[in-house]
C-alpha atoms as a PDB file:
ATOM      1  CA  GLN A   1      -3.333 -12.785  14.224  1.00  0.00           C
ATOM      2  CA  VAL A   2      -2.800 -10.011  12.788  1.00  0.00           C
ATOM      3  CA  ARG A   3      -4.453  -9.997   9.085  1.00  0.00           C
ATOM      4  CA  PHE A   4      -4.834  -7.739   6.131  1.00  0.00           C
ATOM      5  CA  VAL A   5      -7.661  -7.925   3.440  1.00  0.00           C
ATOM      6  CA  GLU A   6      -6.551  -5.698   0.661  1.00  0.00           C
ATOM      7  CA  SER A   7      -9.069  -4.459  -2.162  1.00  0.00           C
ATOM      8  CA  GLY A   8      -9.275  -2.016  -5.246  1.00  0.00           C
ATOM      9  CA  GLY A   9      -6.660  -3.358  -7.382  1.00  0.00           C
ATOM     10  CA  GLY A  10      -7.778  -3.793 -11.171  1.00  0.00           C
ATOM     11  CA  PHE A  11      -7.145  -3.079 -14.694  1.00  0.00           C
ATOM     12  CA  VAL A  12      -6.552   0.991 -15.816  1.00  0.00           C
ATOM     13  CA  GLN A  13      -5.479   2.517 -18.802  1.00  0.00           C
ATOM     14  CA  PRO A  14      -2.380   4.897 -18.351  1.00  0.00           C
ATOM     15  CA  GLY A  15      -3.475   8.111 -16.771  1.00  0.00           C
ATOM     16  CA  GLY A  16      -6.317   6.464 -15.171  1.00  0.00           C
ATOM     17  CA  SER A  17      -6.835   6.002 -11.272  1.00  0.00           C
ATOM     18  CA  LEU A  18      -7.225   3.621  -8.838  1.00  0.00           C
ATOM     19  CA  ARG A  19      -7.920   3.588  -5.055  1.00  0.00           C
ATOM     20  CA  LEU A  20      -6.532   0.611  -3.274  1.00  0.00           C
ATOM     21  CA  SER A  21      -7.750  -0.356   0.973  1.00  0.00           C
ATOM     22  CA  CYS A  22      -6.446  -2.107   3.183  1.00  0.00           C
ATOM     23  CA  VAL A  23      -8.671  -3.530   6.100  1.00  0.00           C
ATOM     24  CA  ALA A  24      -6.434  -4.434   9.073  1.00  0.00           C
ATOM     25  CA  SER A  25      -7.437  -6.354  12.254  1.00  0.00           C
ATOM     26  CA  GLY A  26      -5.480  -8.286  15.003  1.00  0.00           C
ATOM     27  CA  PHE A  27      -2.951  -5.734  16.261  1.00  0.00           C
ATOM     28  CA  THR A  28      -3.627  -2.176  17.442  1.00  0.00           C
ATOM     29  CA  PHE A  29      -3.804  -0.035  14.166  1.00  0.00           C
ATOM     30  CA  SER A  30      -3.136   3.111  15.135  1.00  0.00           C
ATOM     31  CA  GLU A  31       0.483   2.828  17.053  1.00  0.00           C
ATOM     32  CA  TYR A  32       1.348   1.313  13.653  1.00  0.00           C
ATOM     33  CA  ASP A  33       3.047   2.606  10.589  1.00  0.00           C
ATOM     34  CA  MET A  34       1.282   1.126   7.774  1.00  0.00           C
ATOM     35  CA  ASN A  35       3.118   0.548   4.724  1.00  0.00           C
ATOM     36  CA  TRP A  36       2.278   0.184   0.585  1.00  0.00           C
ATOM     37  CA  TYR A  37       4.780  -2.108  -0.906  1.00  0.00           C
ATOM     38  CA  ARG A  38       4.507  -3.412  -4.988  1.00  0.00           C
ATOM     39  CA  GLN A  39       6.228  -6.150  -6.450  1.00  0.00           C
ATOM     40  CA  THR A  40       6.720  -6.551 -10.028  1.00  0.00           C
ATOM     41  CA  PRO A  41       8.337  -9.742 -12.205  1.00  0.00           C
ATOM     42  CA  GLY A  42      11.927 -10.427 -11.655  1.00  0.00           C
ATOM     43  CA  ARG A  43      12.031  -7.155  -8.828  1.00  0.00           C
ATOM     44  CA  GLU A  44      12.600  -7.396  -5.526  1.00  0.00           C
ATOM     45  CA  ARG A  45       9.486  -5.694  -3.312  1.00  0.00           C
ATOM     46  CA  GLU A  46       9.437  -1.958  -3.589  1.00  0.00           C
ATOM     47  CA  LEU A  47       8.093  -0.059  -0.341  1.00  0.00           C
ATOM     48  CA  VAL A  48       6.000   2.782  -2.167  1.00  0.00           C
ATOM     49  CA  ALA A  49       4.846   4.549   0.781  1.00  0.00           C
ATOM     50  CA  SER A  50       4.167   4.569   4.423  1.00  0.00           C
ATOM     51  CA  SER A  51       1.721   6.285   6.672  1.00  0.00           C
ATOM     52  CA  THR A  52       3.666   6.837   9.749  1.00  0.00           C
ATOM     53  CA  VAL A  53       2.392   7.395  12.854  1.00  0.00           C
ATOM     54  CA  ARG A  54       5.450  10.294  14.183  1.00  0.00           C
ATOM     55  CA  SER A  55       6.059  11.675  10.709  1.00  0.00           C
ATOM     56  CA  GLY A  56       3.020  11.734   8.354  1.00  0.00           C
ATOM     57  CA  PRO A  57       3.308  10.266   4.799  1.00  0.00           C
ATOM     58  CA  LYS A  58       6.284   9.307   3.035  1.00  0.00           C
ATOM     59  CA  TYR A  59       7.177   8.202  -0.766  1.00  0.00           C
ATOM     60  CA  VAL A  60       8.926   6.690  -2.873  1.00  0.00           C
ATOM     61  CA  ASP A  61      10.555   9.278  -5.638  1.00  0.00           C
ATOM     62  CA  SER A  62       8.774   8.062  -8.512  1.00  0.00           C
ATOM     63  CA  VAL A  63       4.774   8.086  -7.219  1.00  0.00           C
ATOM     64  CA  LYS A  64       5.599  11.720  -5.432  1.00  0.00           C
ATOM     65  CA  GLY A  65       2.550  13.527  -6.684  1.00  0.00           C
ATOM     66  CA  ARG A  66       0.708  11.073  -7.918  1.00  0.00           C
ATOM     67  CA  PHE A  67      -0.085   8.939  -5.185  1.00  0.00           C
ATOM     68  CA  THR A  68      -1.277   9.735  -1.799  1.00  0.00           C
ATOM     69  CA  ILE A  69      -1.438   7.232   1.239  1.00  0.00           C
ATOM     70  CA  SER A  70      -4.067   7.767   4.105  1.00  0.00           C
ATOM     71  CA  ARG A  71      -5.867   6.127   7.163  1.00  0.00           C
ATOM     72  CA  ASP A  72      -8.751   6.078   8.968  1.00  0.00           C
ATOM     73  CA  ASN A  73      -7.757   4.700  12.730  1.00  0.00           C
ATOM     74  CA  ALA A  74     -11.213   4.162  13.373  1.00  0.00           C
ATOM     75  CA  LYS A  75     -11.881   1.671  10.712  1.00  0.00           C
ATOM     76  CA  ASN A  76      -8.629   0.145  10.993  1.00  0.00           C
ATOM     77  CA  THR A  77      -7.850   1.039   7.060  1.00  0.00           C
ATOM     78  CA  ALA A  78      -5.282   2.470   4.715  1.00  0.00           C
ATOM     79  CA  TYR A  79      -5.871   3.822   1.171  1.00  0.00           C
ATOM     80  CA  LEU A  80      -3.852   4.377  -1.475  1.00  0.00           C
ATOM     81  CA  GLN A  81      -4.936   6.694  -3.753  1.00  0.00           C
ATOM     82  CA  MET A  82      -2.873   6.196  -6.778  1.00  0.00           C
ATOM     83  CA  ASN A  83      -3.621   9.105  -9.662  1.00  0.00           C
ATOM     84  CA  ASP A  84      -2.215   9.433 -13.118  1.00  0.00           C
ATOM     85  CA  LEU A  85      -1.085   5.645 -12.910  1.00  0.00           C
ATOM     86  CA  LYS A  86       1.935   4.678 -15.333  1.00  0.00           C
ATOM     87  CA  PRO A  87       2.619   0.927 -17.038  1.00  0.00           C
ATOM     88  CA  GLU A  88       5.619   1.062 -14.566  1.00  0.00           C
ATOM     89  CA  ASP A  89       2.787   1.025 -11.694  1.00  0.00           C
ATOM     90  CA  THR A  90       2.047  -2.580 -12.474  1.00  0.00           C
ATOM     91  CA  GLY A  91       2.602  -4.991  -9.835  1.00  0.00           C
ATOM     92  CA  VAL A  92       1.096  -6.306  -7.152  1.00  0.00           C
ATOM     93  CA  TYR A  93       0.582  -3.947  -4.152  1.00  0.00           C
ATOM     94  CA  TYR A  94       0.775  -5.186  -0.549  1.00  0.00           C
ATOM     95  CA  CYS A  95      -0.043  -3.568   2.756  1.00  0.00           C
ATOM     96  CA  ASN A  96       2.688  -4.304   5.422  1.00  0.00           C
ATOM     97  CA  ILE A  97       3.554  -3.620   8.790  1.00  0.00           C
ATOM     98  CA  TYR A  98       6.438  -4.391  10.898  1.00  0.00           C
ATOM     99  CA  SER A  99       6.407  -5.100  14.290  1.00  0.00           C
ATOM    100  CA  ALA A 100       9.768  -4.433  16.398  1.00  0.00           C
ATOM    101  CA  SER A 101       8.493  -6.211  19.605  1.00  0.00           C
ATOM    102  CA  ASN A 102       9.241  -9.720  17.176  1.00  0.00           C
ATOM    103  CA  SER A 103      11.140  -8.470  14.708  1.00  0.00           C
ATOM    104  CA  ARG A 104       8.393  -9.672  12.267  1.00  0.00           C
ATOM    105  CA  ALA A 105       6.847  -8.172   9.040  1.00  0.00           C
ATOM    106  CA  TYR A 106       3.330  -9.334   8.190  1.00  0.00           C
ATOM    107  CA  TRP A 107       1.784  -9.060   5.010  1.00  0.00           C
ATOM    108  CA  GLY A 108      -1.547  -9.214   3.087  1.00  0.00           C
ATOM    109  CA  GLN A 109      -2.173 -11.342   0.005  1.00  0.00           C
ATOM    110  CA  GLY A 110      -1.533  -8.363  -2.112  1.00  0.00           C
ATOM    111  CA  THR A 111      -3.804  -6.756  -5.036  1.00  0.00           C
ATOM    112  CA  GLN A 112      -3.026  -6.960  -8.497  1.00  0.00           C
ATOM    113  CA  VAL A 113      -2.621  -3.563 -10.581  1.00  0.00           C
ATOM    114  CA  THR A 114      -1.964  -3.820 -14.170  1.00  0.00           C
ATOM    115  CA  VAL A 115      -1.452  -0.224 -15.790  1.00  0.00           C
ATOM    116  CA  SER A 116      -1.737  -0.678 -19.995  1.00  0.00           C
ATOM    117  CA  SER A 117      -3.362   0.635 -23.027  1.00  0.00           C
END
């Protein structure tokens, strides 16, 4: 079955950096767009970055120039390098794919990122 294991979250001061990892299994990794979402209390889950198969990386405006998404298809792993972190980046970060074949979204368990002084 589809499974993700996210890691790399933690507590960091504003301006700091973190690198999130998402190890995937249960599907052909290289054939899917890999997404990172984040959720903060009281808000809907937000798409932060996508590593698309056809069109390369995409980012929400608020993280452009600070976050970099990448993937290693040989390791079935997606990464999110987060630099110059701000308090508003605080949240639980989830990796995700959407399977058009069965109209399902799959989620990892999430990793907490806290940015605070």
